[in-house]
Amino acid sequence: MARKKISTTIYITPEQNELLKALNQKTKVPVAEYIRQGIDLVLEKYKAQLPGQASFDELS
């Protein structure tokens, strides 16, 4: 089952828009999916700065 998505507004550069549209034309993957994947990459990169419980690896 697909997860519920929340609508939001973002601002991207004209260059980013052009490249995302070109990628969409070639792959038929929605631009929104690429944006979600980019957000996931940033969240993974900065996960240590997010609130939550520390893992055992971080405690040692």
C-alpha atoms as a PDB file:
ATOM      1  CA  MET A   1       0.000   0.000   0.000  1.00  0.00           C
ATOM      2  CA  ALA A   2       1.292   3.470  -0.856  1.00  0.00           C
ATOM      3  CA  ARG A   3       2.082   5.746   2.055  1.00  0.00           C
ATOM      4  CA  LYS A   4       0.103   8.947   2.499  1.00  0.00           C
ATOM      5  CA  LYS A   5       1.946  12.002   1.230  1.00  0.00           C
ATOM      6  CA  ILE A   6       1.760  15.558   2.496  1.00  0.00           C
ATOM      7  CA  SER A   7       1.645  18.453   0.053  1.00  0.00           C
ATOM      8  CA  THR A   8       4.244  21.197   0.455  1.00  0.00           C
ATOM      9  CA  THR A   9       5.750  23.980  -1.619  1.00  0.00           C
ATOM     10  CA  ILE A  10       9.438  24.174  -2.467  1.00  0.00           C
ATOM     11  CA  TYR A  11      11.454  26.580  -4.563  1.00  0.00           C
ATOM     12  CA  ILE A  12      14.085  25.256  -6.934  1.00  0.00           C
ATOM     13  CA  THR A  13      16.328  26.995  -9.409  1.00  0.00           C
ATOM     14  CA  PRO A  14      15.394  27.159 -13.080  1.00  0.00           C
ATOM     15  CA  GLU A  15      18.380  24.898 -13.797  1.00  0.00           C
ATOM     16  CA  GLN A  16      17.193  22.289 -11.301  1.00  0.00           C
ATOM     17  CA  ASN A  17      13.715  22.432 -12.812  1.00  0.00           C
ATOM     18  CA  GLU A  18      15.050  21.995 -16.336  1.00  0.00           C
ATOM     19  CA  LEU A  19      17.216  19.023 -15.390  1.00  0.00           C
ATOM     20  CA  LEU A  20      14.472  17.352 -13.365  1.00  0.00           C
ATOM     21  CA  LYS A  21      12.032  17.712 -16.259  1.00  0.00           C
ATOM     22  CA  ALA A  22      14.595  16.236 -18.659  1.00  0.00           C
ATOM     23  CA  LEU A  23      15.161  13.321 -16.284  1.00  0.00           C
ATOM     24  CA  ASN A  24      11.403  12.808 -16.027  1.00  0.00           C
ATOM     25  CA  GLN A  25      11.045  12.767 -19.811  1.00  0.00           C
ATOM     26  CA  LYS A  26      13.756  10.139 -20.142  1.00  0.00           C
ATOM     27  CA  THR A  27      12.784   7.882 -17.212  1.00  0.00           C
ATOM     28  CA  LYS A  28       9.048   8.612 -16.747  1.00  0.00           C
ATOM     29  CA  VAL A  29       9.721   8.793 -12.991  1.00  0.00           C
ATOM     30  CA  PRO A  30       7.775  11.722 -11.476  1.00  0.00           C
ATOM     31  CA  VAL A  31       9.795  14.795 -10.484  1.00  0.00           C
ATOM     32  CA  ALA A  32       8.238  14.567  -7.011  1.00  0.00           C
ATOM     33  CA  GLU A  33       9.771  11.101  -6.575  1.00  0.00           C
ATOM     34  CA  TYR A  34      13.245  12.474  -7.316  1.00  0.00           C
ATOM     35  CA  ILE A  35      12.666  15.270  -4.810  1.00  0.00           C
ATOM     36  CA  ARG A  36      11.561  12.749  -2.154  1.00  0.00           C
ATOM     37  CA  GLN A  37      14.679  10.665  -2.843  1.00  0.00           C
ATOM     38  CA  GLY A  38      16.837  13.780  -2.457  1.00  0.00           C
ATOM     39  CA  ILE A  39      15.211  14.540   0.891  1.00  0.00           C
ATOM     40  CA  ASP A  40      15.869  10.963   2.015  1.00  0.00           C
ATOM     41  CA  LEU A  41      19.561  11.367   1.100  1.00  0.00           C
ATOM     42  CA  VAL A  42      19.843  14.561   3.159  1.00  0.00           C
ATOM     43  CA  LEU A  43      18.040  13.005   6.129  1.00  0.00           C
ATOM     44  CA  GLU A  44      20.362   9.994   6.028  1.00  0.00           C
ATOM     45  CA  LYS A  45      23.435  12.236   5.838  1.00  0.00           C
ATOM     46  CA  TYR A  46      22.352  14.281   8.871  1.00  0.00           C
ATOM     47  CA  LYS A  47      20.597  11.560  10.877  1.00  0.00           C
ATOM     48  CA  ALA A  48      23.027  11.985  13.794  1.00  0.00           C
ATOM     49  CA  GLN A  49      21.698  15.527  14.260  1.00  0.00           C
ATOM     50  CA  LEU A  50      18.055  14.428  14.388  1.00  0.00           C
ATOM     51  CA  PRO A  51      16.359  13.961  17.754  1.00  0.00           C
ATOM     52  CA  GLY A  52      15.885  10.417  18.950  1.00  0.00           C
ATOM     53  CA  GLN A  53      17.562   7.636  20.803  1.00  0.00           C
ATOM     54  CA  ALA A  54      21.265   7.079  20.282  1.00  0.00           C
ATOM     55  CA  SER A  55      22.286   3.766  18.779  1.00  0.00           C
ATOM     56  CA  PHE A  56      24.696   1.431  20.565  1.00  0.00           C
ATOM     57  CA  ASP A  57      27.365   2.361  17.982  1.00  0.00           C
ATOM     58  CA  GLU A  58      27.094   6.030  18.926  1.00  0.00           C
ATOM     59  CA  LEU A  59      27.423   5.292  22.649  1.00  0.00           C
ATOM     60  CA  SER A  60      30.719   3.407  22.419  1.00  0.00           C
END
